[in-house]
Amino acid sequence: MKKTIAIALVAVMLLSFVACSGVTKESLVGSWEVTSVKLDGGDDLIGTVLSFDEDNHYDWKYSGITFMSGEYKISGSFVYLDEEKELFTINGDTLTIKDASGEMTLTRK
C-alpha cells in the first residue's frame, strides 16, 4: 500500500512539473518588450515589442512599424512562429526565447 501511495505521489508531482513548464495562451497573450539579447547582431532588437493575440496571431514592431508578423502555435514549452520552433519560458512578467543562435529576454508591457 505504501508503495502504491508513493508511486501515485511521484506521478502527481511529475504531472504538476510538466504542466507548469509549458506555455499557455493565457500566459503568452499580450505585449512583450525586448530588454536583452544574447546573439550576434541582436542588439538592434532591444526596445522592439512582440505582441500575441487570442487568435494565434503575432506582430513584432519597432516604433509602431511592423517588421514581422504571422501565426503562432503553442506546444508545451515550444512556440512555433510561422512554423519555426522556439523554446519559450515564462516566469511572471519575463519571457525568455532560446534557440540555437542565442537567447532573448522580454518583459511584459
Protein backbone atom coordinates (compact mmCIF):
# COMPACT_ATOMS: atom_id res chain seq x y z
CA MET A 1 0.00 0.00 0.00
CA LYS A 2 2.83 2.42 0.88
CA LYS A 3 4.48 1.69 -2.47
CA THR A 4 1.25 2.48 -4.36
CA ILE A 5 0.83 5.78 -2.50
CA ALA A 6 4.48 6.71 -3.18
CA ILE A 7 4.10 5.95 -6.90
CA ALA A 8 0.88 7.98 -7.07
CA LEU A 9 2.55 10.90 -5.29
CA VAL A 10 5.52 10.85 -7.68
CA ALA A 11 3.15 10.71 -10.68
CA VAL A 12 1.22 13.75 -9.41
CA MET A 13 4.46 15.67 -8.82
CA LEU A 14 5.72 14.86 -12.32
CA LEU A 15 2.43 15.88 -13.92
CA SER A 16 2.48 19.14 -11.95
CA PHE A 17 6.03 19.85 -13.14
CA VAL A 18 5.13 19.15 -16.77
CA ALA A 19 2.03 21.31 -16.55
CA CYS A 20 3.98 24.21 -15.01
CA SER A 21 6.81 24.03 -17.53
CA GLY A 22 4.56 24.62 -20.53
CA VAL A 23 3.46 27.90 -22.05
CA THR A 24 -0.27 28.64 -22.12
CA LYS A 25 -2.11 31.05 -24.36
CA GLU A 26 -3.27 32.93 -21.25
CA SER A 27 0.32 33.45 -20.10
CA LEU A 28 1.56 34.45 -23.57
CA VAL A 29 -1.14 36.80 -24.88
CA GLY A 30 -0.15 40.44 -24.55
CA SER A 31 2.78 42.67 -25.43
CA TRP A 32 6.41 41.93 -24.54
CA GLU A 33 9.34 44.36 -24.93
CA VAL A 34 12.81 43.02 -25.75
CA THR A 35 15.11 44.04 -22.88
CA SER A 36 18.23 41.94 -23.55
CA VAL A 37 19.63 39.84 -26.36
CA LYS A 38 22.47 37.31 -26.35
CA LEU A 39 23.04 36.60 -30.04
CA ASP A 40 25.17 38.06 -32.81
CA GLY A 41 23.69 41.30 -34.15
CA GLY A 42 20.75 41.07 -31.76
CA ASP A 43 21.28 44.42 -30.03
CA ASP A 44 19.12 46.07 -32.70
CA LEU A 45 16.12 44.14 -31.30
CA ILE A 46 16.27 45.84 -27.88
CA GLY A 47 13.19 48.04 -27.49
CA THR A 48 11.13 46.17 -30.08
CA VAL A 49 7.73 44.83 -28.97
CA LEU A 50 6.42 41.33 -29.67
CA SER A 51 2.63 41.02 -29.25
CA PHE A 52 0.48 37.89 -29.20
CA ASP A 53 -3.32 37.91 -29.52
CA GLU A 54 -6.07 35.39 -28.72
CA ASP A 55 -6.46 34.49 -32.42
CA ASN A 56 -2.96 32.93 -32.71
CA HIS A 57 -1.53 35.97 -34.45
CA TYR A 58 1.66 37.81 -33.52
CA ASP A 59 3.22 41.12 -34.52
CA TRP A 60 6.77 42.28 -33.91
CA LYS A 61 7.08 46.07 -34.04
CA TYR A 62 9.62 48.82 -33.63
CA SER A 63 8.35 52.39 -33.16
CA GLY A 64 4.89 51.28 -34.27
CA ILE A 65 6.13 49.78 -37.55
CA THR A 66 5.59 46.03 -38.03
CA PHE A 67 8.70 44.26 -39.29
CA MET A 68 7.46 40.73 -38.69
CA SER A 69 4.02 39.18 -38.26
CA GLY A 70 2.29 35.86 -38.70
CA GLU A 71 0.68 32.96 -36.89
CA TYR A 72 1.88 31.22 -33.72
CA LYS A 73 1.17 27.80 -32.25
CA ILE A 74 1.89 26.60 -28.70
CA SER A 75 3.08 23.09 -27.88
CA GLY A 76 4.36 22.60 -24.31
CA SER A 77 7.30 24.96 -23.80
CA PHE A 78 7.65 25.49 -27.54
CA VAL A 79 6.02 28.25 -29.52
CA TYR A 80 6.05 27.98 -33.29
CA LEU A 81 6.32 31.33 -35.06
CA ASP A 82 5.39 30.68 -38.68
CA GLU A 83 6.37 27.00 -38.25
CA GLU A 84 9.81 27.87 -36.75
CA LYS A 85 10.14 26.23 -33.32
CA GLU A 86 11.42 28.41 -30.46
CA LEU A 87 11.77 27.46 -26.78
CA PHE A 88 9.77 29.95 -24.71
CA THR A 89 9.93 30.18 -20.92
CA ILE A 90 7.61 32.46 -18.98
CA ASN A 91 8.41 33.38 -15.40
CA GLY A 92 5.99 36.03 -14.16
CA ASP A 93 6.44 39.10 -16.36
CA THR A 94 9.61 37.78 -18.03
CA LEU A 95 9.58 35.88 -21.31
CA THR A 96 12.77 34.14 -22.46
CA ILE A 97 13.18 32.87 -26.02
CA LYS A 98 16.02 30.46 -26.79
CA ASP A 99 17.16 28.83 -29.99
CA ALA A 100 20.42 27.53 -31.45
CA SER A 101 21.65 31.07 -32.18
CA GLY A 102 21.14 32.53 -28.70
CA GLU A 103 18.72 33.92 -26.16
CA MET A 104 16.41 36.91 -25.86
CA THR A 105 14.65 38.29 -22.74
CA LEU A 106 11.40 40.23 -22.96
CA THR A 107 9.37 41.98 -20.25
CA ARG A 108 5.58 42.25 -20.24
CA LYS A 109 4.42 45.77 -21.12
